[in-house]
Protein backbone atom coordinates (compact mmCIF):
# COMPACT_ATOMS: atom_id res chain seq x y z
CA MET A 1 52.56 57.62 -33.79
CA ALA A 2 54.98 54.90 -34.76
CA ARG A 3 53.91 52.02 -36.96
CA LYS A 4 53.42 48.76 -35.12
CA ARG A 5 52.99 45.16 -36.23
CA VAL A 6 50.36 42.91 -34.63
CA ASN A 7 50.01 39.16 -34.99
CA ALA A 8 46.26 38.42 -34.83
CA LYS A 9 46.36 34.84 -36.13
CA GLY A 10 43.58 32.77 -34.61
CA VAL A 11 41.69 35.77 -33.19
CA GLN A 12 38.07 36.15 -34.30
CA GLU A 13 36.85 39.62 -35.16
CA GLY A 14 33.94 40.73 -33.01
CA GLY A 15 32.83 42.76 -30.07
CA PHE A 16 31.94 42.25 -26.45
CA PRO A 17 29.04 39.94 -25.62
CA LEU A 18 25.94 41.79 -24.45
CA ILE A 19 25.44 41.59 -20.69
CA PRO A 20 21.98 40.06 -20.08
CA GLU A 21 19.39 42.19 -18.31
CA GLY A 22 19.25 41.56 -14.56
CA GLU A 23 20.80 42.39 -11.21
CA TYR A 24 24.54 42.02 -10.70
CA THR A 25 27.19 42.76 -8.13
CA ALA A 26 29.80 44.88 -9.87
CA LYS A 27 33.21 46.20 -8.86
CA ILE A 28 34.37 49.72 -9.71
CA MET A 29 37.56 49.18 -11.70
CA GLU A 30 38.23 52.68 -13.02
CA VAL A 31 36.97 56.23 -12.57
CA VAL A 32 37.67 58.93 -15.15
CA ASP A 33 37.00 62.49 -13.98
CA GLY A 34 35.65 64.85 -16.60
CA LYS A 35 32.88 67.28 -17.48
CA SER A 36 29.43 66.81 -18.97
CA SER A 37 28.36 68.69 -22.10
CA SER A 38 26.77 71.29 -19.80
CA GLY A 39 30.01 71.73 -17.84
CA ASP A 40 29.03 69.76 -14.73
CA PRO A 41 31.50 67.41 -13.02
CA MET A 42 31.00 63.99 -14.64
CA MET A 43 32.77 60.81 -13.66
CA SER A 44 32.81 57.82 -16.01
CA VAL A 45 32.78 54.67 -13.90
CA LYS A 46 33.92 51.30 -15.27
CA LEU A 47 31.88 48.55 -13.61
CA TYR A 48 33.23 44.99 -13.85
CA ILE A 49 30.68 42.18 -13.53
CA PRO A 50 32.57 39.00 -12.57
CA VAL A 51 29.74 36.51 -13.26
CA GLN A 52 29.61 37.78 -16.85
CA ASP A 53 33.38 38.39 -17.09
CA ASN A 54 32.43 41.66 -18.72
CA TRP A 55 32.16 45.34 -17.89
CA LEU A 56 30.18 48.44 -18.74
CA TRP A 57 30.58 52.16 -18.24
CA ASP A 58 28.19 54.51 -16.46
CA ASN A 59 28.36 58.27 -16.01
CA ILE A 60 27.86 59.89 -12.61
CA VAL A 61 27.09 63.62 -12.76
CA ILE A 62 27.34 65.59 -9.51
CA SER A 63 26.16 69.17 -9.97
CA ASP A 64 25.44 71.80 -7.32
CA ASN A 65 24.00 74.25 -9.87
CA PRO A 66 20.17 74.18 -9.71
CA ASN A 67 20.02 75.72 -13.21
CA SER A 68 22.05 72.89 -14.76
CA SER A 69 20.66 69.82 -16.51
CA GLY A 70 23.03 67.73 -14.34
CA TYR A 71 21.25 68.94 -11.22
CA LYS A 72 18.06 67.27 -12.42
CA ILE A 73 19.71 63.84 -12.06
CA LEU A 74 21.51 64.57 -8.78
CA GLY A 75 19.21 62.14 -6.99
CA ARG A 76 20.54 59.24 -9.11
CA SER A 77 24.11 60.26 -8.33
CA MET A 78 23.30 60.49 -4.62
CA ARG A 79 21.88 56.95 -4.80
CA PHE A 80 25.13 55.74 -6.37
CA LEU A 81 27.16 57.38 -3.59
CA HIS A 82 24.86 55.93 -0.91
CA CYS A 83 25.17 52.43 -2.42
CA ILE A 84 28.98 52.55 -2.33
CA GLY A 85 29.07 53.89 1.22
CA GLU A 86 30.22 57.41 0.39
CA PRO A 87 28.86 60.73 1.77
CA TYR A 88 25.75 61.80 -0.15
CA LYS A 89 23.48 63.87 2.11
CA ASN A 90 23.11 67.63 2.54
CA ASP A 91 26.44 69.47 2.12
CA PHE A 92 28.97 66.75 1.24
CA GLU A 93 32.36 66.28 -0.37
CA TYR A 94 33.31 63.40 -2.62
CA ASN A 95 36.64 61.93 -3.62
CA THR A 96 36.59 59.68 -6.68
CA ASP A 97 39.81 57.95 -5.51
CA ASN A 98 37.68 56.39 -2.74
CA TRP A 99 35.36 54.76 -5.28
CA LEU A 100 37.92 52.36 -6.74
CA ASN A 101 37.46 48.67 -5.95
CA LYS A 102 34.13 49.24 -4.21
CA GLN A 103 31.31 46.83 -4.94
CA VAL A 104 27.82 47.94 -5.90
CA VAL A 105 24.67 46.10 -6.94
CA ILE A 106 23.26 47.28 -10.26
CA ARG A 107 20.28 46.47 -12.42
CA VAL A 108 21.20 46.24 -16.10
CA PHE A 109 18.75 46.91 -18.92
CA HIS A 110 19.09 47.04 -22.70
CA ASP A 111 18.70 50.25 -24.65
CA MET A 112 19.04 50.96 -28.35
CA TYR A 113 22.03 53.11 -29.32
CA ASN A 114 22.85 53.79 -32.98
CA GLY A 115 20.67 50.86 -34.00
CA LYS A 116 22.30 48.34 -31.66
CA LYS A 117 21.36 47.00 -28.24
CA LYS A 118 23.55 48.29 -25.46
CA ALA A 119 23.68 47.26 -21.79
CA LYS A 120 23.18 50.19 -19.42
CA VAL A 121 22.80 50.71 -15.68
CA ALA A 122 19.11 51.17 -14.90
CA GLU A 123 19.63 51.71 -11.20
CA TYR A 124 21.91 51.24 -8.24
CA ILE A 125 20.43 48.99 -5.58
CA LEU A 126 21.07 49.67 -1.91
CA GLN A 127 22.18 46.65 0.10
CA GLU A 128 21.52 47.11 3.83
CA PRO A 129 24.57 45.12 4.98
CA ILE A 130 26.76 47.63 3.10
CA GLU A 131 25.12 50.48 5.03
CA GLU A 132 25.67 48.63 8.33
CA GLN A 133 29.30 47.95 7.37
CA VAL A 134 29.87 51.65 6.63
CA ALA A 135 28.42 52.57 10.04
CA GLN A 136 30.75 50.06 11.71
CA ASN A 137 33.74 51.39 9.78
CA ASN A 138 32.89 54.95 10.81
CA GLU A 139 32.76 53.86 14.47
CA GLU A 140 36.13 52.12 14.18
CA GLU A 141 37.79 55.18 12.61
CA ASP A 142 36.77 57.49 15.45
CA PRO A 143 37.64 55.88 18.81
CA PHE A 144 36.21 58.90 20.70
CA ALA A 145 32.70 58.68 19.16
């Protein structure tokens, strides 16, 4: 890597402010496809919270292997998919490209990580108007339904 010069005059050293606990509408800004430590498909989702002008990451693990640790949390991942209007029932396919820019309501809580408080997603909260909107969009896409 090449050496670079940075002018940081007037910039205070610090970190990101902690997002207060509570419910927020967040926008999915980035999705990074990867694997969990047990080898299951794991997507890291960057959630931007406009009212806090801040963001946090959450991991979504979607496993179809009943013997995997990721399978034990499949219900949480299905809830995430349901909340963003994506297929989530029975035998379904997912496409992480479809997740970008979608809005989702989350509940944030604080957890201790390496001795520091960290904001984490406690749950994804289903909003009925989103579900109705998805149904309307599905009807519009198929004029023969």
